[in-house]
Amino acid sequence: MRGYLVPDPAARPGNPNCADIGGTSFIMDPTNPAAQVWWRDEVAAFLATYGIQGIKLDRGEEHIPSEATDIYADGRTGREVRNDYPTLQAKIHHDALASVYPDGDFVLVSRPAYTGTAQYSIFWGGDIPGSESFGAGPATDLGLRSAIISQQRAAILGVPIWGSDTGGYYQFKDREVFARWIEFSAFSGIMEIGGTGTHAPWNMPTTPAFDQEMIDIYRRYTTLRATLQPYIVAAARQAATGLPIVRPLPFLDRHDPKLADRWDEFLFGPDLLVAPVWKVGERGRLVYFPKGRWRSYFDRTQSYRGRRTVKFPVPLDTVLVFEREGATVPGP
């Protein structure tokens, strides 16, 4: 294994660089072609043995040796490899999955990323805390606000498929935040329940969260997500061209100045306009319609002209979604 690990210049020559992540961990050198093949084959064997079809690459960016004194196998310094490491890491794991599932029926989800990583992996937003101080703490509506903004920033940065830990990463606190986050996640690149604590829908605290209303909300939007699968898959295929699934509104009309800072609305695929509610206690909101004509996605009766603002009631079990007139999106 000599040469497979990043050496530690502060230790005796030849000693590997290591990190304390719940114990001593060694840092693989992904710039070494032999190390790449070795790790790919080790991961592939594990996947094949247990029938695993997905990998979540968490914490892949925290402990990368990144000093000028860290010399990698290809001769680059740690400062030169620092940003490239997530892409190299994603490629190795993608290749391992592809070797076991050549039909492409697998998923790789990464937290770290840099230019080029998106060709190998999809992404989630990591540990969105959502507390008032944006430190470790229970999720509040500020966390949901952060996820709505982060998803669109990721799109602008070239990340085509992105999601967040529904309800926030840290422990469960507010049933309303969880309900609104479910609605938002149903129209994200990835809909997932993740993080710490007991906020999986089958294991939420019984008071006041896990009641019939919350069950109905969760069932409604997971069922809707399944109904939308053909539309989502088509948008994901289009993302291969660089156009993300979730699109900030300036993508639609860069000449409309009212769209420039419209962060709380976005397009989901080419034909759905989504306007989530993020603030606790709100039961209504304004929606600004971009150019064209839009109709309510859920009842498909009301039609709205573009470049105007309309106020709508938004009960807790509702997210505002509008379909571009003339589109044929699978219905709820």
C-alpha atoms as a PDB file:
ATOM      1  CA  MET A   1       0.000   0.000   0.000  1.00  0.00           C
ATOM      2  CA  ARG A   2       3.015   2.268  -0.143  1.00  0.00           C
ATOM      3  CA  GLY A   3       2.043   5.288  -2.207  1.00  0.00           C
ATOM      4  CA  TYR A   4      -1.690   4.680  -1.856  1.00  0.00           C
ATOM      5  CA  LEU A   5      -2.006   7.134   1.048  1.00  0.00           C
ATOM      6  CA  VAL A   6      -1.142  10.816   1.254  1.00  0.00           C
ATOM      7  CA  PRO A   7       2.171  11.066   3.154  1.00  0.00           C
ATOM      8  CA  ASP A   8       2.450  13.166   6.288  1.00  0.00           C
ATOM      9  CA  PRO A   9       5.397  15.554   5.948  1.00  0.00           C
ATOM     10  CA  ALA A  10       5.365  16.262   9.685  1.00  0.00           C
ATOM     11  CA  ALA A  11       5.895  12.612  10.566  1.00  0.00           C
ATOM     12  CA  ARG A  12       8.689  10.195   9.687  1.00  0.00           C
ATOM     13  CA  PRO A  13       9.231   9.893   5.928  1.00  0.00           C
ATOM     14  CA  GLY A  14       6.745   7.453   4.424  1.00  0.00           C
ATOM     15  CA  ASN A  15       4.207   7.716   7.240  1.00  0.00           C
ATOM     16  CA  PRO A  16       0.659   8.336   5.980  1.00  0.00           C
ATOM     17  CA  ASN A  17      -1.388  11.411   6.710  1.00  0.00           C
ATOM     18  CA  CYS A  18      -4.271  10.616   9.043  1.00  0.00           C
ATOM     19  CA  ALA A  19      -7.302  12.288  10.570  1.00  0.00           C
ATOM     20  CA  ASP A  20      -9.329  11.704  13.713  1.00  0.00           C
ATOM     21  CA  ILE A  21     -12.869  10.943  12.531  1.00  0.00           C
ATOM     22  CA  GLY A  22     -14.242   8.813  15.339  1.00  0.00           C
ATOM     23  CA  GLY A  23     -10.832   7.126  15.417  1.00  0.00           C
ATOM     24  CA  THR A  24      -7.702   7.181  13.314  1.00  0.00           C
ATOM     25  CA  SER A  25      -8.427   7.354   9.589  1.00  0.00           C
ATOM     26  CA  PHE A  26      -5.957   7.413   6.731  1.00  0.00           C
ATOM     27  CA  ILE A  27      -6.326   9.625   3.684  1.00  0.00           C
ATOM     28  CA  MET A  28      -6.182   7.879   0.311  1.00  0.00           C
ATOM     29  CA  ASP A  29      -4.230   9.539  -2.484  1.00  0.00           C
ATOM     30  CA  PRO A  30      -6.659   9.634  -5.443  1.00  0.00           C
ATOM     31  CA  THR A  31      -3.998  11.048  -7.763  1.00  0.00           C
ATOM     32  CA  ASN A  32      -2.213   7.682  -7.725  1.00  0.00           C
ATOM     33  CA  PRO A  33      -3.662   5.533 -10.569  1.00  0.00           C
ATOM     34  CA  ALA A  34      -2.857   2.320  -8.698  1.00  0.00           C
ATOM     35  CA  ALA A  35      -4.661   3.600  -5.594  1.00  0.00           C
ATOM     36  CA  GLN A  36      -7.661   4.522  -7.731  1.00  0.00           C
ATOM     37  CA  VAL A  37      -7.923   0.991  -9.144  1.00  0.00           C
ATOM     38  CA  TRP A  38      -7.401  -0.617  -5.738  1.00  0.00           C
ATOM     39  CA  TRP A  39     -10.099   1.424  -4.005  1.00  0.00           C
ATOM     40  CA  ARG A  40     -12.527   1.128  -6.934  1.00  0.00           C
ATOM     41  CA  ASP A  41     -12.209  -2.654  -6.878  1.00  0.00           C
ATOM     42  CA  GLU A  42     -12.562  -2.835  -3.075  1.00  0.00           C
ATOM     43  CA  VAL A  43     -15.753  -0.761  -3.187  1.00  0.00           C
ATOM     44  CA  ALA A  44     -17.122  -2.707  -6.169  1.00  0.00           C
ATOM     45  CA  ALA A  45     -16.588  -6.025  -4.390  1.00  0.00           C
ATOM     46  CA  PHE A  46     -18.450  -4.736  -1.341  1.00  0.00           C
ATOM     47  CA  LEU A  47     -21.338  -3.474  -3.477  1.00  0.00           C
ATOM     48  CA  ALA A  48     -21.619  -6.755  -5.366  1.00  0.00           C
ATOM     49  CA  THR A  49     -21.496  -8.862  -2.203  1.00  0.00           C
ATOM     50  CA  TYR A  50     -24.353  -7.044  -0.498  1.00  0.00           C
ATOM     51  CA  GLY A  51     -26.379  -5.880  -3.504  1.00  0.00           C
ATOM     52  CA  ILE A  52     -25.917  -2.206  -2.667  1.00  0.00           C
ATOM     53  CA  GLN A  53     -26.900   0.156  -5.491  1.00  0.00           C
ATOM     54  CA  GLY A  54     -26.133   3.529  -3.942  1.00  0.00           C
ATOM     55  CA  ILE A  55     -23.422   5.408  -2.066  1.00  0.00           C
ATOM     56  CA  LYS A  56     -23.669   8.614  -0.049  1.00  0.00           C
ATOM     57  CA  LEU A  57     -20.283  10.342   0.112  1.00  0.00           C
ATOM     58  CA  ASP A  58     -20.487  12.322   3.333  1.00  0.00           C
ATOM     59  CA  ARG A  59     -17.732  14.379   4.960  1.00  0.00           C
ATOM     60  CA  GLY A  60     -15.466  13.955   1.978  1.00  0.00           C
ATOM     61  CA  GLU A  61     -14.021  17.438   2.148  1.00  0.00           C
ATOM     62  CA  GLU A  62     -13.212  18.076   5.804  1.00  0.00           C
ATOM     63  CA  HIS A  63      -9.866  16.357   6.240  1.00  0.00           C
ATOM     64  CA  ILE A  64      -8.107  16.625   2.894  1.00  0.00           C
ATOM     65  CA  PRO A  65      -4.366  17.289   3.349  1.00  0.00           C
ATOM     66  CA  SER A  66      -4.165  20.705   1.728  1.00  0.00           C
ATOM     67  CA  GLU A  67      -0.914  22.352   2.752  1.00  0.00           C
ATOM     68  CA  ALA A  68       1.893  23.308   0.418  1.00  0.00           C
ATOM     69  CA  THR A  69       4.046  20.716   2.195  1.00  0.00           C
ATOM     70  CA  ASP A  70       1.631  17.872   1.372  1.00  0.00           C
ATOM     71  CA  ILE A  71       2.902  16.269  -1.828  1.00  0.00           C
ATOM     72  CA  TYR A  72       0.561  13.931  -3.694  1.00  0.00           C
ATOM     73  CA  ALA A  73       1.563  11.063  -5.966  1.00  0.00           C
ATOM     74  CA  ASP A  74       1.178  13.125  -9.137  1.00  0.00           C
ATOM     75  CA  GLY A  75       3.560  15.764  -7.793  1.00  0.00           C
ATOM     76  CA  ARG A  76       0.960  18.382  -6.947  1.00  0.00           C
ATOM     77  CA  THR A  77       0.838  20.034  -3.545  1.00  0.00           C
ATOM     78  CA  GLY A  78      -2.087  19.864  -1.176  1.00  0.00           C
ATOM     79  CA  ARG A  79      -3.104  23.380  -2.118  1.00  0.00           C
ATOM     80  CA  GLU A  80      -3.312  22.331  -5.759  1.00  0.00           C
ATOM     81  CA  VAL A  81      -5.248  19.115  -5.070  1.00  0.00           C
ATOM     82  CA  ARG A  82      -7.600  20.544  -2.429  1.00  0.00           C
ATOM     83  CA  ASN A  83     -10.478  21.442  -4.758  1.00  0.00           C
ATOM     84  CA  ASP A  84      -9.873  18.577  -7.170  1.00  0.00           C
ATOM     85  CA  TYR A  85     -10.100  15.911  -4.454  1.00  0.00           C
ATOM     86  CA  PRO A  86     -13.946  15.711  -4.351  1.00  0.00           C
ATOM     87  CA  THR A  87     -14.103  15.161  -8.114  1.00  0.00           C
ATOM     88  CA  LEU A  88     -11.448  12.442  -8.037  1.00  0.00           C
ATOM     89  CA  GLN A  89     -13.204  10.804  -5.087  1.00  0.00           C
ATOM     90  CA  ALA A  90     -16.593  10.898  -6.827  1.00  0.00           C
ATOM     91  CA  LYS A  91     -15.163   9.420 -10.025  1.00  0.00           C
ATOM     92  CA  ILE A  92     -13.674   6.432  -8.197  1.00  0.00           C
ATOM     93  CA  HIS A  93     -16.981   5.621  -6.496  1.00  0.00           C
ATOM     94  CA  HIS A  94     -18.958   6.229  -9.695  1.00  0.00           C
ATOM     95  CA  ASP A  95     -16.674   3.840 -11.562  1.00  0.00           C
ATOM     96  CA  ALA A  96     -17.108   1.237  -8.813  1.00  0.00           C
ATOM     97  CA  LEU A  97     -20.892   1.458  -9.086  1.00  0.00           C
ATOM     98  CA  ALA A  98     -20.784   1.401 -12.894  1.00  0.00           C
ATOM     99  CA  SER A  99     -18.613  -1.718 -12.904  1.00  0.00           C
ATOM    100  CA  VAL A 100     -21.238  -3.592 -10.860  1.00  0.00           C
ATOM    101  CA  TYR A 101     -24.301  -2.015 -12.504  1.00  0.00           C
ATOM    102  CA  PRO A 102     -23.346  -1.287 -16.127  1.00  0.00           C
ATOM    103  CA  ASP A 103     -26.982  -0.488 -16.968  1.00  0.00           C
ATOM    104  CA  GLY A 104     -26.659   2.667 -14.847  1.00  0.00           C
ATOM    105  CA  ASP A 105     -29.240   1.591 -12.254  1.00  0.00           C
ATOM    106  CA  PHE A 106     -27.431   3.132  -9.277  1.00  0.00           C
ATOM    107  CA  VAL A 107     -27.102   6.426  -7.444  1.00  0.00           C
ATOM    108  CA  LEU A 108     -24.126   8.343  -6.071  1.00  0.00           C
ATOM    109  CA  VAL A 109     -24.904  11.287  -3.772  1.00  0.00           C
ATOM    110  CA  SER A 110     -22.064  13.563  -2.665  1.00  0.00           C
ATOM    111  CA  ARG A 111     -21.655  16.420  -0.250  1.00  0.00           C
ATOM    112  CA  PRO A 112     -18.318  17.846  -1.491  1.00  0.00           C
ATOM    113  CA  ALA A 113     -18.047  19.084  -5.050  1.00  0.00           C
ATOM    114  CA  TYR A 114     -15.995  21.144  -7.438  1.00  0.00           C
ATOM    115  CA  THR A 115     -15.929  21.814 -11.166  1.00  0.00           C
ATOM    116  CA  GLY A 116     -16.585  18.524 -12.941  1.00  0.00           C
ATOM    117  CA  THR A 117     -17.984  16.564  -9.990  1.00  0.00           C
ATOM    118  CA  ALA A 118     -21.537  16.763 -11.354  1.00  0.00           C
ATOM    119  CA  GLN A 119     -20.697  14.379 -14.203  1.00  0.00           C
ATOM    120  CA  TYR A 120     -20.308  11.607 -11.615  1.00  0.00           C
ATOM    121  CA  SER A 121     -22.689  12.435  -8.783  1.00  0.00           C
ATOM    122  CA  ILE A 122     -25.808  14.210  -7.608  1.00  0.00           C
ATOM    123  CA  PHE A 123     -25.708  16.293  -4.431  1.00  0.00           C
ATOM    124  CA  TRP A 124     -27.413  17.213  -1.205  1.00  0.00           C
ATOM    125  CA  GLY A 125     -26.798  20.319   0.854  1.00  0.00           C
ATOM    126  CA  GLY A 126     -25.043  18.749   3.826  1.00  0.00           C
ATOM    127  CA  ASP A 127     -25.893  19.672   7.385  1.00  0.00           C
ATOM    128  CA  ILE A 128     -28.304  22.585   6.942  1.00  0.00           C
ATOM    129  CA  PRO A 129     -28.794  23.439  10.621  1.00  0.00           C
ATOM    130  CA  GLY A 130     -31.736  25.783  10.529  1.00  0.00           C
ATOM    131  CA  SER A 131     -31.300  27.168  14.024  1.00  0.00           C
ATOM    132  CA  GLU A 132     -31.555  30.885  14.684  1.00  0.00           C
ATOM    133  CA  SER A 133     -27.786  31.133  15.074  1.00  0.00           C
ATOM    134  CA  PHE A 134     -27.128  28.823  12.114  1.00  0.00           C
ATOM    135  CA  GLY A 135     -25.152  26.600  14.450  1.00  0.00           C
ATOM    136  CA  ALA A 136     -25.962  23.087  15.581  1.00  0.00           C
ATOM    137  CA  GLY A 137     -29.503  23.089  16.846  1.00  0.00           C
ATOM    138  CA  PRO A 138     -33.130  22.231  16.094  1.00  0.00           C
ATOM    139  CA  ALA A 139     -34.483  23.105  12.673  1.00  0.00           C
ATOM    140  CA  THR A 140     -36.464  26.307  12.297  1.00  0.00           C
ATOM    141  CA  ASP A 141     -37.898  28.077   9.296  1.00  0.00           C
ATOM    142  CA  LEU A 142     -34.524  29.770   8.697  1.00  0.00           C
ATOM    143  CA  GLY A 143     -33.144  26.383   7.726  1.00  0.00           C
ATOM    144  CA  LEU A 144     -35.889  25.911   5.146  1.00  0.00           C
ATOM    145  CA  ARG A 145     -35.226  29.416   3.824  1.00  0.00           C
ATOM    146  CA  SER A 146     -31.551  28.487   3.514  1.00  0.00           C
ATOM    147  CA  ALA A 147     -32.412  25.305   1.589  1.00  0.00           C
ATOM    148  CA  ILE A 148     -34.629  27.190  -0.887  1.00  0.00           C
ATOM    149  CA  ILE A 149     -31.825  29.661  -1.589  1.00  0.00           C
ATOM    150  CA  SER A 150     -29.038  27.055  -1.618  1.00  0.00           C
ATOM    151  CA  GLN A 151     -30.833  24.910  -4.174  1.00  0.00           C
ATOM    152  CA  GLN A 152     -30.912  27.805  -6.631  1.00  0.00           C
ATOM    153  CA  ARG A 153     -27.332  28.827  -5.928  1.00  0.00           C
ATOM    154  CA  ALA A 154     -26.288  25.251  -6.648  1.00  0.00           C
ATOM    155  CA  ALA A 155     -28.152  25.425  -9.967  1.00  0.00           C
ATOM    156  CA  ILE A 156     -26.314  28.600 -10.952  1.00  0.00           C
ATOM    157  CA  LEU A 157     -23.006  26.937 -10.048  1.00  0.00           C
ATOM    158  CA  GLY A 158     -23.686  24.071 -12.450  1.00  0.00           C
ATOM    159  CA  VAL A 159     -25.151  21.473 -10.070  1.00  0.00           C
ATOM    160  CA  PRO A 160     -28.066  19.925 -11.998  1.00  0.00           C
ATOM    161  CA  ILE A 161     -29.571  17.708  -9.263  1.00  0.00           C
ATOM    162  CA  TRP A 162     -29.632  18.848  -5.614  1.00  0.00           C
ATOM    163  CA  GLY A 163     -31.648  18.183  -2.472  1.00  0.00           C
ATOM    164  CA  SER A 164     -31.679  18.823   1.263  1.00  0.00           C
ATOM    165  CA  ASP A 165     -32.354  16.942   4.486  1.00  0.00           C
ATOM    166  CA  THR A 166     -36.125  17.414   4.745  1.00  0.00           C
ATOM    167  CA  GLY A 167     -36.879  19.018   8.086  1.00  0.00           C
ATOM    168  CA  GLY A 168     -33.265  20.081   8.596  1.00  0.00           C
ATOM    169  CA  TYR A 169     -30.230  18.082   9.652  1.00  0.00           C
ATOM    170  CA  TYR A 170     -30.495  18.460  13.404  1.00  0.00           C
ATOM    171  CA  GLN A 171     -33.160  17.190  15.759  1.00  0.00           C
ATOM    172  CA  PHE A 172     -36.839  17.714  15.126  1.00  0.00           C
ATOM    173  CA  LYS A 173     -38.443  20.803  16.621  1.00  0.00           C
ATOM    174  CA  ASP A 174     -41.357  22.243  14.693  1.00  0.00           C
ATOM    175  CA  ARG A 175     -44.065  20.287  12.888  1.00  0.00           C
ATOM    176  CA  GLU A 176     -44.906  23.256  10.666  1.00  0.00           C
ATOM    177  CA  VAL A 177     -41.305  23.549   9.458  1.00  0.00           C
ATOM    178  CA  PHE A 178     -41.332  19.839   8.691  1.00  0.00           C
ATOM    179  CA  ALA A 179     -44.627  20.112   6.764  1.00  0.00           C
ATOM    180  CA  ARG A 180     -43.432  23.039   4.657  1.00  0.00           C
ATOM    181  CA  TRP A 181     -40.096  21.321   4.021  1.00  0.00           C
ATOM    182  CA  ILE A 182     -41.880  18.192   2.774  1.00  0.00           C
ATOM    183  CA  GLU A 183     -43.776  20.359   0.295  1.00  0.00           C
ATOM    184  CA  PHE A 184     -40.564  22.051  -0.851  1.00  0.00           C
ATOM    185  CA  SER A 185     -38.635  18.771  -1.170  1.00  0.00           C
ATOM    186  CA  ALA A 186     -41.330  17.266  -3.380  1.00  0.00           C
ATOM    187  CA  PHE A 187     -40.236  19.842  -5.964  1.00  0.00           C
ATOM    188  CA  SER A 188     -36.479  19.517  -5.480  1.00  0.00           C
ATOM    189  CA  GLY A 189     -33.974  17.508  -7.474  1.00  0.00           C
ATOM    190  CA  ILE A 190     -33.838  15.009  -4.606  1.00  0.00           C
ATOM    191  CA  MET A 191     -36.590  14.301  -2.063  1.00  0.00           C
ATOM    192  CA  GLU A 192     -35.046  12.692   0.996  1.00  0.00           C
ATOM    193  CA  ILE A 193     -35.402  12.467   4.761  1.00  0.00           C
ATOM    194  CA  GLY A 194     -31.997  12.693   6.413  1.00  0.00           C
ATOM    195  CA  GLY A 195     -30.054  14.033   9.345  1.00  0.00           C
ATOM    196  CA  THR A 196     -29.943  13.265  13.036  1.00  0.00           C
ATOM    197  CA  GLY A 197     -32.643  12.937  15.655  1.00  0.00           C
ATOM    198  CA  THR A 198     -36.121  11.507  15.216  1.00  0.00           C
ATOM    199  CA  HIS A 199     -37.643  13.300  12.264  1.00  0.00           C
ATOM    200  CA  ALA A 200     -38.210  10.413   9.912  1.00  0.00           C
ATOM    201  CA  PRO A 201     -41.967  10.433   9.255  1.00  0.00           C
ATOM    202  CA  TRP A 202     -42.438   7.030  10.894  1.00  0.00           C
ATOM    203  CA  ASN A 203     -40.397   7.974  13.960  1.00  0.00           C
ATOM    204  CA  MET A 204     -41.228  11.598  14.744  1.00  0.00           C
ATOM    205  CA  PRO A 205     -42.089  12.625  18.308  1.00  0.00           C
ATOM    206  CA  THR A 206     -45.743  11.853  18.887  1.00  0.00           C
ATOM    207  CA  THR A 207     -46.511  15.270  20.360  1.00  0.00           C
ATOM    208  CA  PRO A 208     -47.324  17.354  18.442  1.00  0.00           C
ATOM    209  CA  ALA A 209     -45.796  16.124  15.200  1.00  0.00           C
ATOM    210  CA  PHE A 210     -46.838  12.619  14.301  1.00  0.00           C
ATOM    211  CA  ASP A 211     -50.562  13.202  13.966  1.00  0.00           C
ATOM    212  CA  GLN A 212     -53.006  12.460  11.185  1.00  0.00           C
ATOM    213  CA  GLU A 213     -52.504  15.836   9.509  1.00  0.00           C
ATOM    214  CA  MET A 214     -48.756  15.254   9.193  1.00  0.00           C
ATOM    215  CA  ILE A 215     -49.307  11.715   7.928  1.00  0.00           C
ATOM    216  CA  ASP A 216     -51.688  13.042   5.279  1.00  0.00           C
ATOM    217  CA  ILE A 217     -49.241  15.766   4.201  1.00  0.00           C
ATOM    218  CA  TYR A 218     -46.371  13.303   3.927  1.00  0.00           C
ATOM    219  CA  ARG A 219     -48.499  10.799   2.015  1.00  0.00           C
ATOM    220  CA  ARG A 220     -49.845  13.470  -0.341  1.00  0.00           C
ATOM    221  CA  TYR A 221     -46.452  14.775  -1.432  1.00  0.00           C
ATOM    222  CA  THR A 222     -44.618  11.464  -1.636  1.00  0.00           C
ATOM    223  CA  THR A 223     -47.462  10.143  -3.792  1.00  0.00           C
ATOM    224  CA  LEU A 224     -47.300  13.280  -5.927  1.00  0.00           C
ATOM    225  CA  ARG A 225     -43.547  12.841  -6.295  1.00  0.00           C
ATOM    226  CA  ALA A 226     -44.123   9.340  -7.663  1.00  0.00           C
ATOM    227  CA  THR A 227     -46.728  10.696 -10.097  1.00  0.00           C
ATOM    228  CA  LEU A 228     -44.211  13.273 -11.323  1.00  0.00           C
ATOM    229  CA  GLN A 229     -41.458  10.713 -11.961  1.00  0.00           C
ATOM    230  CA  PRO A 230     -41.732  10.752 -15.790  1.00  0.00           C
ATOM    231  CA  TYR A 231     -41.526  14.549 -15.763  1.00  0.00           C
ATOM    232  CA  ILE A 232     -38.589  14.521 -13.318  1.00  0.00           C
ATOM    233  CA  VAL A 233     -36.693  11.897 -15.335  1.00  0.00           C
ATOM    234  CA  ALA A 234     -37.177  13.942 -18.514  1.00  0.00           C
ATOM    235  CA  ALA A 235     -35.867  17.046 -16.729  1.00  0.00           C
ATOM    236  CA  ALA A 236     -32.908  15.050 -15.401  1.00  0.00           C
ATOM    237  CA  ARG A 237     -32.033  13.897 -18.909  1.00  0.00           C
ATOM    238  CA  GLN A 238     -32.200  17.511 -20.033  1.00  0.00           C
ATOM    239  CA  ALA A 239     -29.810  18.339 -17.186  1.00  0.00           C
ATOM    240  CA  ALA A 240     -27.123  16.442 -19.098  1.00  0.00           C
ATOM    241  CA  THR A 241     -26.910  19.567 -21.266  1.00  0.00           C
ATOM    242  CA  GLY A 242     -26.121  21.665 -18.199  1.00  0.00           C
ATOM    243  CA  LEU A 243     -29.636  22.965 -17.561  1.00  0.00           C
ATOM    244  CA  PRO A 244     -30.522  22.040 -13.952  1.00  0.00           C
ATOM    245  CA  ILE A 245     -33.806  20.487 -12.837  1.00  0.00           C
ATOM    246  CA  VAL A 246     -34.497  23.435 -10.526  1.00  0.00           C
ATOM    247  CA  ARG A 247     -34.078  26.729 -12.355  1.00  0.00           C
ATOM    248  CA  PRO A 248     -33.929  30.208 -10.834  1.00  0.00           C
ATOM    249  CA  LEU A 249     -36.450  32.454 -12.556  1.00  0.00           C
ATOM    250  CA  PRO A 250     -33.852  34.579 -14.404  1.00  0.00           C
ATOM    251  CA  PHE A 251     -33.127  31.399 -16.404  1.00  0.00           C
ATOM    252  CA  LEU A 252     -36.567  31.899 -17.945  1.00  0.00           C
ATOM    253  CA  ASP A 253     -36.426  35.629 -18.618  1.00  0.00           C
ATOM    254  CA  ARG A 254     -33.213  37.502 -17.936  1.00  0.00           C
ATOM    255  CA  HIS A 255     -34.763  40.727 -19.206  1.00  0.00           C
ATOM    256  CA  ASP A 256     -37.364  40.925 -16.413  1.00  0.00           C
ATOM    257  CA  PRO A 257     -35.766  42.918 -13.550  1.00  0.00           C
ATOM    258  CA  LYS A 258     -38.384  41.679 -11.072  1.00  0.00           C
ATOM    259  CA  LEU A 259     -36.940  38.166 -11.320  1.00  0.00           C
ATOM    260  CA  ALA A 260     -33.404  39.122 -10.311  1.00  0.00           C
ATOM    261  CA  ASP A 261     -33.917  38.728  -6.556  1.00  0.00           C
ATOM    262  CA  ARG A 262     -37.015  36.498  -6.606  1.00  0.00           C
ATOM    263  CA  TRP A 263     -35.368  33.790  -4.488  1.00  0.00           C
ATOM    264  CA  ASP A 264     -38.561  32.286  -3.012  1.00  0.00           C
ATOM    265  CA  GLU A 265     -39.951  31.098  -6.368  1.00  0.00           C
ATOM    266  CA  PHE A 266     -38.348  28.799  -8.919  1.00  0.00           C
ATOM    267  CA  LEU A 267     -39.027  26.594 -11.910  1.00  0.00           C
ATOM    268  CA  PHE A 268     -39.111  22.842 -11.365  1.00  0.00           C
ATOM    269  CA  GLY A 269     -38.242  21.472 -14.761  1.00  0.00           C
ATOM    270  CA  PRO A 270     -39.352  23.499 -17.776  1.00  0.00           C
ATOM    271  CA  ASP A 271     -43.063  23.834 -16.994  1.00  0.00           C
ATOM    272  CA  LEU A 272     -43.779  24.096 -13.246  1.00  0.00           C
ATOM    273  CA  LEU A 273     -43.525  27.313 -11.232  1.00  0.00           C
ATOM    274  CA  VAL A 274     -43.150  26.590  -7.501  1.00  0.00           C
ATOM    275  CA  ALA A 275     -43.701  29.163  -4.740  1.00  0.00           C
ATOM    276  CA  PRO A 276     -43.135  27.494  -1.346  1.00  0.00           C
ATOM    277  CA  VAL A 277     -44.021  28.985   2.029  1.00  0.00           C
ATOM    278  CA  TRP A 278     -41.074  28.923   4.421  1.00  0.00           C
ATOM    279  CA  LYS A 279     -42.054  31.130   7.342  1.00  0.00           C
ATOM    280  CA  VAL A 280     -43.831  29.628  10.357  1.00  0.00           C
ATOM    281  CA  GLY A 281     -47.331  30.992  10.799  1.00  0.00           C
ATOM    282  CA  GLU A 282     -47.817  32.202   7.239  1.00  0.00           C
ATOM    283  CA  ARG A 283     -51.034  31.106   5.539  1.00  0.00           C
ATOM    284  CA  GLY A 284     -50.776  33.240   2.408  1.00  0.00           C
ATOM    285  CA  ARG A 285     -48.195  34.725   0.068  1.00  0.00           C
ATOM    286  CA  LEU A 286     -47.650  36.786  -3.062  1.00  0.00           C
ATOM    287  CA  VAL A 287     -46.647  35.091  -6.303  1.00  0.00           C
ATOM    288  CA  TYR A 288     -45.035  36.927  -9.189  1.00  0.00           C
ATOM    289  CA  PHE A 289     -45.708  35.198 -12.502  1.00  0.00           C
ATOM    290  CA  PRO A 290     -42.979  35.264 -15.164  1.00  0.00           C
ATOM    291  CA  LYS A 291     -43.795  35.856 -18.812  1.00  0.00           C
ATOM    292  CA  GLY A 292     -46.402  33.628 -20.442  1.00  0.00           C
ATOM    293  CA  ARG A 293     -49.605  32.242 -18.968  1.00  0.00           C
ATOM    294  CA  TRP A 294     -49.812  29.934 -15.965  1.00  0.00           C
ATOM    295  CA  ARG A 295     -52.594  27.834 -14.474  1.00  0.00           C
ATOM    296  CA  SER A 296     -52.959  26.246 -11.061  1.00  0.00           C
ATOM    297  CA  TYR A 297     -51.322  22.812 -11.166  1.00  0.00           C
ATOM    298  CA  PHE A 298     -53.649  21.247  -8.609  1.00  0.00           C
ATOM    299  CA  ASP A 299     -57.023  22.263 -10.054  1.00  0.00           C
ATOM    300  CA  ARG A 300     -56.050  23.462 -13.559  1.00  0.00           C
ATOM    301  CA  THR A 301     -58.969  25.878 -13.717  1.00  0.00           C
ATOM    302  CA  GLN A 302     -57.574  29.309 -12.892  1.00  0.00           C
ATOM    303  CA  SER A 303     -55.233  30.950 -15.407  1.00  0.00           C
ATOM    304  CA  TYR A 304     -52.842  33.814 -14.678  1.00  0.00           C
ATOM    305  CA  ARG A 305     -51.125  36.244 -16.999  1.00  0.00           C
ATOM    306  CA  GLY A 306     -47.374  36.686 -16.693  1.00  0.00           C
ATOM    307  CA  ARG A 307     -45.522  39.683 -15.266  1.00  0.00           C
ATOM    308  CA  ARG A 308     -48.094  40.365 -12.578  1.00  0.00           C
ATOM    309  CA  THR A 309     -48.367  39.639  -8.847  1.00  0.00           C
ATOM    310  CA  VAL A 310     -51.250  37.748  -7.217  1.00  0.00           C
ATOM    311  CA  LYS A 311     -51.894  36.931  -3.549  1.00  0.00           C
ATOM    312  CA  PHE A 312     -52.983  33.395  -2.629  1.00  0.00           C
ATOM    313  CA  PRO A 313     -54.098  31.636   0.567  1.00  0.00           C
ATOM    314  CA  VAL A 314     -51.731  28.798   1.493  1.00  0.00           C
ATOM    315  CA  PRO A 315     -53.019  26.354   4.151  1.00  0.00           C
ATOM    316  CA  LEU A 316     -50.447  24.186   5.920  1.00  0.00           C
ATOM    317  CA  ASP A 317     -51.033  21.229   3.600  1.00  0.00           C
ATOM    318  CA  THR A 318     -50.554  23.288   0.431  1.00  0.00           C
ATOM    319  CA  VAL A 319     -47.663  24.467  -1.725  1.00  0.00           C
ATOM    320  CA  LEU A 320     -48.370  26.828  -4.606  1.00  0.00           C
ATOM    321  CA  VAL A 321     -47.520  25.233  -7.955  1.00  0.00           C
ATOM    322  CA  PHE A 322     -48.460  26.541 -11.393  1.00  0.00           C
ATOM    323  CA  GLU A 323     -48.196  24.832 -14.753  1.00  0.00           C
ATOM    324  CA  ARG A 324     -47.167  26.627 -17.908  1.00  0.00           C
ATOM    325  CA  GLU A 325     -50.267  26.855 -20.081  1.00  0.00           C
ATOM    326  CA  GLY A 326     -50.103  24.275 -22.854  1.00  0.00           C
ATOM    327  CA  ALA A 327     -47.780  21.930 -20.953  1.00  0.00           C
ATOM    328  CA  THR A 328     -48.721  18.307 -20.192  1.00  0.00           C
ATOM    329  CA  VAL A 329     -47.244  17.626 -16.759  1.00  0.00           C
ATOM    330  CA  PRO A 330     -48.576  14.468 -15.009  1.00  0.00           C
ATOM    331  CA  GLY A 331     -51.333  15.586 -12.662  1.00  0.00           C
ATOM    332  CA  PRO A 332     -51.869  15.081  -8.941  1.00  0.00           C
END
